[in-house]
C-alpha atoms as a PDB file:
ATOM      1  CA  MET A   1       0.000   0.000   0.000  1.00  0.00           C
ATOM      2  CA  ASN A   2       2.840   2.361   0.838  1.00  0.00           C
ATOM      3  CA  ALA A   3       4.346   2.019  -2.650  1.00  0.00           C
ATOM      4  CA  VAL A   4       0.979   2.661  -4.317  1.00  0.00           C
ATOM      5  CA  LEU A   5       0.303   5.786  -2.257  1.00  0.00           C
ATOM      6  CA  ALA A   6       3.722   7.122  -3.179  1.00  0.00           C
ATOM      7  CA  VAL A   7       2.594   7.511  -6.810  1.00  0.00           C
ATOM      8  CA  ALA A   8      -1.214   7.448  -6.889  1.00  0.00           C
ATOM      9  CA  PRO A   9      -4.148   8.859  -4.940  1.00  0.00           C
ATOM     10  CA  GLY A  10      -5.781   6.658  -2.351  1.00  0.00           C
ATOM     11  CA  MET A  11      -9.342   5.472  -1.928  1.00  0.00           C
ATOM     12  CA  ASN A  12     -12.199   7.158  -0.196  1.00  0.00           C
ATOM     13  CA  TRP A  13     -14.754   5.650   2.187  1.00  0.00           C
ATOM     14  CA  THR A  14     -17.197   4.868  -0.614  1.00  0.00           C
ATOM     15  CA  THR A  15     -14.587   2.880  -2.510  1.00  0.00           C
ATOM     16  CA  ILE A  16     -13.279   0.984   0.503  1.00  0.00           C
ATOM     17  CA  SER A  17     -16.684   0.174   1.981  1.00  0.00           C
ATOM     18  CA  GLY A  18     -17.864  -0.899  -1.484  1.00  0.00           C
ATOM     19  CA  LEU A  19     -15.297  -3.702  -1.438  1.00  0.00           C
ATOM     20  CA  PHE A  20     -17.353  -5.455   1.256  1.00  0.00           C
ATOM     21  CA  SER A  21     -20.887  -6.809   0.973  1.00  0.00           C
ATOM     22  CA  ASP A  22     -21.630  -5.482   4.461  1.00  0.00           C
ATOM     23  CA  VAL A  23     -19.977  -2.728   6.503  1.00  0.00           C
ATOM     24  CA  ALA A  24     -20.027  -5.106   9.488  1.00  0.00           C
ATOM     25  CA  ILE A  25     -17.553  -7.337   7.625  1.00  0.00           C
ATOM     26  CA  TYR A  26     -15.284  -4.349   7.042  1.00  0.00           C
ATOM     27  CA  THR A  27     -15.548  -3.428  10.730  1.00  0.00           C
ATOM     28  CA  GLU A  28     -14.609  -6.974  11.745  1.00  0.00           C
ATOM     29  CA  HIS A  29     -11.494  -6.813   9.550  1.00  0.00           C
ATOM     30  CA  LEU A  30     -10.619  -3.399  10.942  1.00  0.00           C
ATOM     31  CA  ARG A  31     -10.901  -4.673  14.528  1.00  0.00           C
ATOM     32  CA  ARG A  32      -8.581  -7.578  13.658  1.00  0.00           C
ATOM     33  CA  LEU A  33      -6.057  -5.132  12.221  1.00  0.00           C
ATOM     34  CA  GLU A  34      -6.309  -3.006  15.371  1.00  0.00           C
ATOM     35  CA  ASP A  35      -5.706  -6.102  17.532  1.00  0.00           C
ATOM     36  CA  PHE A  36      -2.755  -7.157  15.373  1.00  0.00           C
ATOM     37  CA  SER A  37      -1.241  -3.678  15.566  1.00  0.00           C
ATOM     38  CA  GLU A  38      -1.561  -3.631  19.358  1.00  0.00           C
ATOM     39  CA  GLN A  39       0.061  -7.066  19.633  1.00  0.00           C
ATOM     40  CA  ASN A  40       2.861  -6.039  17.231  1.00  0.00           C
ATOM     41  CA  PRO A  41       3.812  -2.484  18.220  1.00  0.00           C
ATOM     42  CA  ASN A  42       6.940  -2.478  16.017  1.00  0.00           C
ATOM     43  CA  ASP A  43       5.152  -3.596  12.846  1.00  0.00           C
ATOM     44  CA  ALA A  44       5.303  -0.407  10.788  1.00  0.00           C
ATOM     45  CA  ALA A  45       3.317  -1.916   7.899  1.00  0.00           C
ATOM     46  CA  ALA A  46       0.366  -2.789  10.154  1.00  0.00           C
ATOM     47  CA  HIS A  47       0.350   0.702  11.661  1.00  0.00           C
ATOM     48  CA  PHE A  48       0.553   2.255   8.192  1.00  0.00           C
ATOM     49  CA  VAL A  49      -2.459   0.308   6.906  1.00  0.00           C
ATOM     50  CA  LEU A  50      -4.407   1.107  10.060  1.00  0.00           C
ATOM     51  CA  ALA A  51      -3.483   4.804   9.776  1.00  0.00           C
ATOM     52  CA  TYR A  52      -4.718   4.794   6.198  1.00  0.00           C
ATOM     53  CA  HIS A  53      -8.066   3.290   7.177  1.00  0.00           C
ATOM     54  CA  TYR A  54      -8.461   5.756  10.035  1.00  0.00           C
ATOM     55  CA  MET A  55      -7.700   8.604   7.646  1.00  0.00           C
ATOM     56  CA  VAL A  56     -10.271   7.416   5.103  1.00  0.00           C
ATOM     57  CA  MET A  57     -12.877   7.184   7.862  1.00  0.00           C
ATOM     58  CA  GLY A  58     -12.078  10.700   9.068  1.00  0.00           C
ATOM     59  CA  TYR A  59     -10.318   9.764  12.323  1.00  0.00           C
ATOM     60  CA  LEU A  60      -7.382  12.074  11.728  1.00  0.00           C
ATOM     61  CA  GLU A  61      -6.006  12.113  15.269  1.00  0.00           C
ATOM     62  CA  GLN A  62      -5.865   8.310  15.380  1.00  0.00           C
ATOM     63  CA  ALA A  63      -4.334   8.243  11.890  1.00  0.00           C
ATOM     64  CA  SER A  64      -1.667  10.726  12.993  1.00  0.00           C
ATOM     65  CA  GLN A  65      -0.837   8.627  16.053  1.00  0.00           C
ATOM     66  CA  ARG A  66      -0.363   5.513  13.917  1.00  0.00           C
ATOM     67  CA  LEU A  67       1.755   7.369  11.371  1.00  0.00           C
ATOM     68  CA  GLU A  68       3.982   8.595  14.177  1.00  0.00           C
ATOM     69  CA  LEU A  69       4.525   4.934  15.140  1.00  0.00           C
ATOM     70  CA  VAL A  70       5.368   4.112  11.521  1.00  0.00           C
ATOM     71  CA  ILE A  71       7.973   6.877  11.409  1.00  0.00           C
ATOM     72  CA  GLU A  72       9.348   5.852  14.798  1.00  0.00           C
ATOM     73  CA  ASN A  73       9.875   2.306  13.483  1.00  0.00           C
ATOM     74  CA  GLN A  74      10.871   3.309   9.939  1.00  0.00           C
ATOM     75  CA  PRO A  75      12.408   6.802  10.010  1.00  0.00           C
ATOM     76  CA  GLU A  76      13.151   6.664   6.261  1.00  0.00           C
ATOM     77  CA  ASP A  77       9.472   6.215   5.301  1.00  0.00           C
ATOM     78  CA  GLN A  78       8.876   9.338   3.205  1.00  0.00           C
ATOM     79  CA  VAL A  79       5.280   8.432   2.306  1.00  0.00           C
ATOM     80  CA  ALA A  80       4.268   8.198   5.974  1.00  0.00           C
ATOM     81  CA  LYS A  81       6.020  11.519   6.654  1.00  0.00           C
ATOM     82  CA  ARG A  82       4.251  13.191   3.724  1.00  0.00           C
ATOM     83  CA  ILE A  83       0.832  11.923   4.815  1.00  0.00           C
ATOM     84  CA  LEU A  84       1.466  12.954   8.424  1.00  0.00           C
ATOM     85  CA  ASP A  85       2.527  16.424   7.270  1.00  0.00           C
ATOM     86  CA  GLY A  86      -0.713  16.656   5.268  1.00  0.00           C
ATOM     87  CA  LEU A  87      -2.783  15.664   8.280  1.00  0.00           C
ATOM     88  CA  ARG A  88      -1.025  18.222  10.448  1.00  0.00           C
ATOM     89  CA  THR A  89      -1.660  20.883   7.808  1.00  0.00           C
ATOM     90  CA  ALA A  90      -5.341  19.935   7.759  1.00  0.00           C
ATOM     91  CA  GLU A  91      -5.454  20.274  11.559  1.00  0.00           C
ATOM     92  CA  GLN A  92      -4.070  23.825  11.260  1.00  0.00           C
ATOM     93  CA  GLY A  93      -6.964  24.968   9.087  1.00  0.00           C
ATOM     94  CA  ALA A  94      -5.450  24.538   5.629  1.00  0.00           C
ATOM     95  CA  MET A  95      -7.219  22.293   3.181  1.00  0.00           C
ATOM     96  CA  ALA A  96      -5.546  19.001   2.351  1.00  0.00           C
ATOM     97  CA  GLY A  97      -7.231  16.477   0.151  1.00  0.00           C
ATOM     98  CA  LEU A  98      -7.514  14.543  -3.036  1.00  0.00           C
ATOM     99  CA  VAL A  99      -8.167  16.100  -6.436  1.00  0.00           C
ATOM    100  CA  LYS A 100      -9.710  13.907  -9.122  1.00  0.00           C
ATOM    101  CA  SER A 101     -10.287  14.708 -12.762  1.00  0.00           C
ATOM    102  CA  ARG A 102     -13.930  14.427 -13.773  1.00  0.00           C
ATOM    103  CA  GLY A 103     -13.385  15.164 -17.438  1.00  0.00           C
ATOM    104  CA  PRO A 104     -11.416  17.697 -19.424  1.00  0.00           C
ATOM    105  CA  ASP A 105     -12.929  20.701 -17.643  1.00  0.00           C
ATOM    106  CA  LYS A 106     -14.103  19.379 -14.256  1.00  0.00           C
ATOM    107  CA  PHE A 107     -12.253  18.570 -11.050  1.00  0.00           C
ATOM    108  CA  GLN A 108     -13.433  17.153  -7.749  1.00  0.00           C
ATOM    109  CA  PHE A 109     -11.745  18.012  -4.439  1.00  0.00           C
ATOM    110  CA  ILE A 110     -12.314  15.778  -1.409  1.00  0.00           C
ATOM    111  CA  MET A 111     -10.823  17.000   1.854  1.00  0.00           C
ATOM    112  CA  VAL A 112      -8.780  14.700   4.066  1.00  0.00           C
ATOM    113  CA  GLY A 113     -10.976  13.692   6.955  1.00  0.00           C
ATOM    114  CA  SER A 114     -14.278  14.533   5.286  1.00  0.00           C
ATOM    115  CA  PRO A 115     -17.268  12.336   6.201  1.00  0.00           C
ATOM    116  CA  PRO A 116     -17.489   9.057   4.279  1.00  0.00           C
ATOM    117  CA  ASN A 117     -20.470  10.145   2.144  1.00  0.00           C
ATOM    118  CA  ASP A 118     -19.129  13.637   1.375  1.00  0.00           C
ATOM    119  CA  GLU A 119     -18.695  14.046  -2.369  1.00  0.00           C
ATOM    120  CA  GLY A 120     -16.454  17.055  -1.894  1.00  0.00           C
ATOM    121  CA  LEU A 121     -16.415  20.091  -4.139  1.00  0.00           C
ATOM    122  CA  THR A 122     -16.630  20.051  -7.911  1.00  0.00           C
ATOM    123  CA  PHE A 123     -14.940  22.765  -9.937  1.00  0.00           C
ATOM    124  CA  GLY A 124     -15.240  23.520 -13.620  1.00  0.00           C
ATOM    125  CA  ARG A 125     -13.451  25.777 -16.041  1.00  0.00           C
ATOM    126  CA  ILE A 126     -15.197  28.997 -16.958  1.00  0.00           C
ATOM    127  CA  ASP A 127     -15.705  29.633 -20.622  1.00  0.00           C
ATOM    128  CA  GLU A 128     -14.332  33.167 -20.944  1.00  0.00           C
ATOM    129  CA  THR A 129     -16.033  33.616 -24.318  1.00  0.00           C
ATOM    130  CA  SER A 130     -19.516  32.873 -23.025  1.00  0.00           C
ATOM    131  CA  ASP A 131     -21.911  35.844 -22.833  1.00  0.00           C
ATOM    132  CA  ALA A 132     -22.951  34.728 -19.343  1.00  0.00           C
ATOM    133  CA  ASN A 133     -19.378  35.141 -18.098  1.00  0.00           C
ATOM    134  CA  ARG A 134     -18.590  38.545 -19.615  1.00  0.00           C
ATOM    135  CA  GLU A 135     -18.628  41.571 -17.362  1.00  0.00           C
ATOM    136  CA  GLN A 136     -21.467  43.943 -18.111  1.00  0.00           C
END
């Protein structure tokens, strides 16, 4: 997962929860990962995956705590550092998130930590030649 996130955007809650036929199944898997992480405090990979899931669900403080454990166990992990920096920026009032292309002239912005069903903001290019966009 770390290698993928280094070069591509991650998933959102809709995508992750859609991988399971029932959210209860997802929750069961998440609880197992939490248990595994607690039993293996030096397993940076487990903490990274758990941090990612917490982030997708909007639990930014818990995600930050797990990323700090990743960095403590793997100080060279640049992806974990970058994500943690983004979370800290989001906590300071700046907007951090994911931008997706929705066609040649549309973009969608989803903030880090937004609720699972939040579709974010959609932006489009303004046609400068359109009469509706000219100053009068």
